[in-house]
Amino acid sequence: MIDLLMKNIESILKQISAIVEREKIQQEEKRKRGENFNIFSVLGLSTSEVRLHSA
């Protein structure tokens, strides 16, 4: 019974590890393509971003 539980836990952890690894790869690809580019950060206005537009 405990062996089966441990195998299930191992399987789940392997699946989670694979998902995390895919996410890391996707985030790195997005970074390389510039998808996370934020003009407000470049201009040094990221903290003022909310106040830069009209209501």
C-alpha atoms as a PDB file:
ATOM      1  CA  MET A   1       0.000   0.000   0.000  1.00  0.00           C
ATOM      2  CA  ILE A   2       2.740   2.476   0.945  1.00  0.00           C
ATOM      3  CA  ASP A   3       4.754   1.476  -2.144  1.00  0.00           C
ATOM      4  CA  LEU A   4       1.790   2.285  -4.376  1.00  0.00           C
ATOM      5  CA  LEU A   5       1.336   5.634  -2.657  1.00  0.00           C
ATOM      6  CA  MET A   6       5.021   6.473  -3.077  1.00  0.00           C
ATOM      7  CA  LYS A   7       4.897   5.528  -6.775  1.00  0.00           C
ATOM      8  CA  ASN A   8       1.866   7.777  -7.243  1.00  0.00           C
ATOM      9  CA  ILE A   9       3.630  10.641  -5.484  1.00  0.00           C
ATOM     10  CA  GLU A  10       6.740  10.113  -7.628  1.00  0.00           C
ATOM     11  CA  SER A  11       4.626  10.099 -10.768  1.00  0.00           C
ATOM     12  CA  ILE A  12       2.891  13.328  -9.790  1.00  0.00           C
ATOM     13  CA  LEU A  13       6.183  15.005  -8.942  1.00  0.00           C
ATOM     14  CA  LYS A  14       7.663  13.966 -12.309  1.00  0.00           C
ATOM     15  CA  GLN A  15       4.635  15.416 -14.100  1.00  0.00           C
ATOM     16  CA  ILE A  16       4.927  18.663 -12.154  1.00  0.00           C
ATOM     17  CA  SER A  17       8.641  18.819 -12.900  1.00  0.00           C
ATOM     18  CA  ALA A  18       7.957  18.400 -16.620  1.00  0.00           C
ATOM     19  CA  ILE A  19       5.344  21.173 -16.532  1.00  0.00           C
ATOM     20  CA  VAL A  20       7.692  23.524 -14.679  1.00  0.00           C
ATOM     21  CA  GLU A  21      10.486  22.814 -17.152  1.00  0.00           C
ATOM     22  CA  ARG A  22       8.204  23.507 -20.145  1.00  0.00           C
ATOM     23  CA  GLU A  23       7.092  26.761 -18.522  1.00  0.00           C
ATOM     24  CA  LYS A  24      10.705  27.836 -17.989  1.00  0.00           C
ATOM     25  CA  ILE A  25      11.477  27.133 -21.652  1.00  0.00           C
ATOM     26  CA  GLN A  26       8.389  29.067 -22.790  1.00  0.00           C
ATOM     27  CA  GLN A  27       9.250  32.042 -20.582  1.00  0.00           C
ATOM     28  CA  GLU A  28      12.812  32.104 -21.922  1.00  0.00           C
ATOM     29  CA  GLU A  29      11.513  31.992 -25.510  1.00  0.00           C
ATOM     30  CA  LYS A  30       9.144  34.876 -24.762  1.00  0.00           C
ATOM     31  CA  ARG A  31      12.011  36.845 -23.239  1.00  0.00           C
ATOM     32  CA  LYS A  32      14.160  36.261 -26.327  1.00  0.00           C
ATOM     33  CA  ARG A  33      11.328  37.406 -28.624  1.00  0.00           C
ATOM     34  CA  GLY A  34      10.779  40.512 -26.505  1.00  0.00           C
ATOM     35  CA  GLU A  35       7.224  39.630 -25.534  1.00  0.00           C
ATOM     36  CA  ASN A  36       7.814  40.844 -21.978  1.00  0.00           C
ATOM     37  CA  PHE A  37       8.957  44.269 -23.172  1.00  0.00           C
ATOM     38  CA  ASN A  38       7.496  47.106 -21.122  1.00  0.00           C
ATOM     39  CA  ILE A  39       8.027  50.638 -22.437  1.00  0.00           C
ATOM     40  CA  PHE A  40       7.284  52.070 -18.979  1.00  0.00           C
ATOM     41  CA  SER A  41      10.189  50.105 -17.474  1.00  0.00           C
ATOM     42  CA  VAL A  42      12.531  51.327 -20.203  1.00  0.00           C
ATOM     43  CA  LEU A  43      11.510  54.921 -19.570  1.00  0.00           C
ATOM     44  CA  GLY A  44      11.818  54.501 -15.814  1.00  0.00           C
ATOM     45  CA  LEU A  45       8.117  55.155 -15.339  1.00  0.00           C
ATOM     46  CA  SER A  46       6.972  51.718 -14.232  1.00  0.00           C
ATOM     47  CA  THR A  47       5.922  52.996 -10.801  1.00  0.00           C
ATOM     48  CA  SER A  48       3.954  55.854 -12.393  1.00  0.00           C
ATOM     49  CA  GLU A  49       2.274  53.656 -14.979  1.00  0.00           C
ATOM     50  CA  VAL A  50      -1.156  53.898 -13.372  1.00  0.00           C
ATOM     51  CA  ARG A  51      -1.156  57.711 -13.336  1.00  0.00           C
ATOM     52  CA  LEU A  52       0.012  58.153 -16.948  1.00  0.00           C
ATOM     53  CA  HIS A  53      -3.374  57.801 -18.597  1.00  0.00           C
ATOM     54  CA  SER A  54      -6.711  59.511 -18.261  1.00  0.00           C
ATOM     55  CA  ALA A  55      -9.534  58.105 -16.164  1.00  0.00           C
END
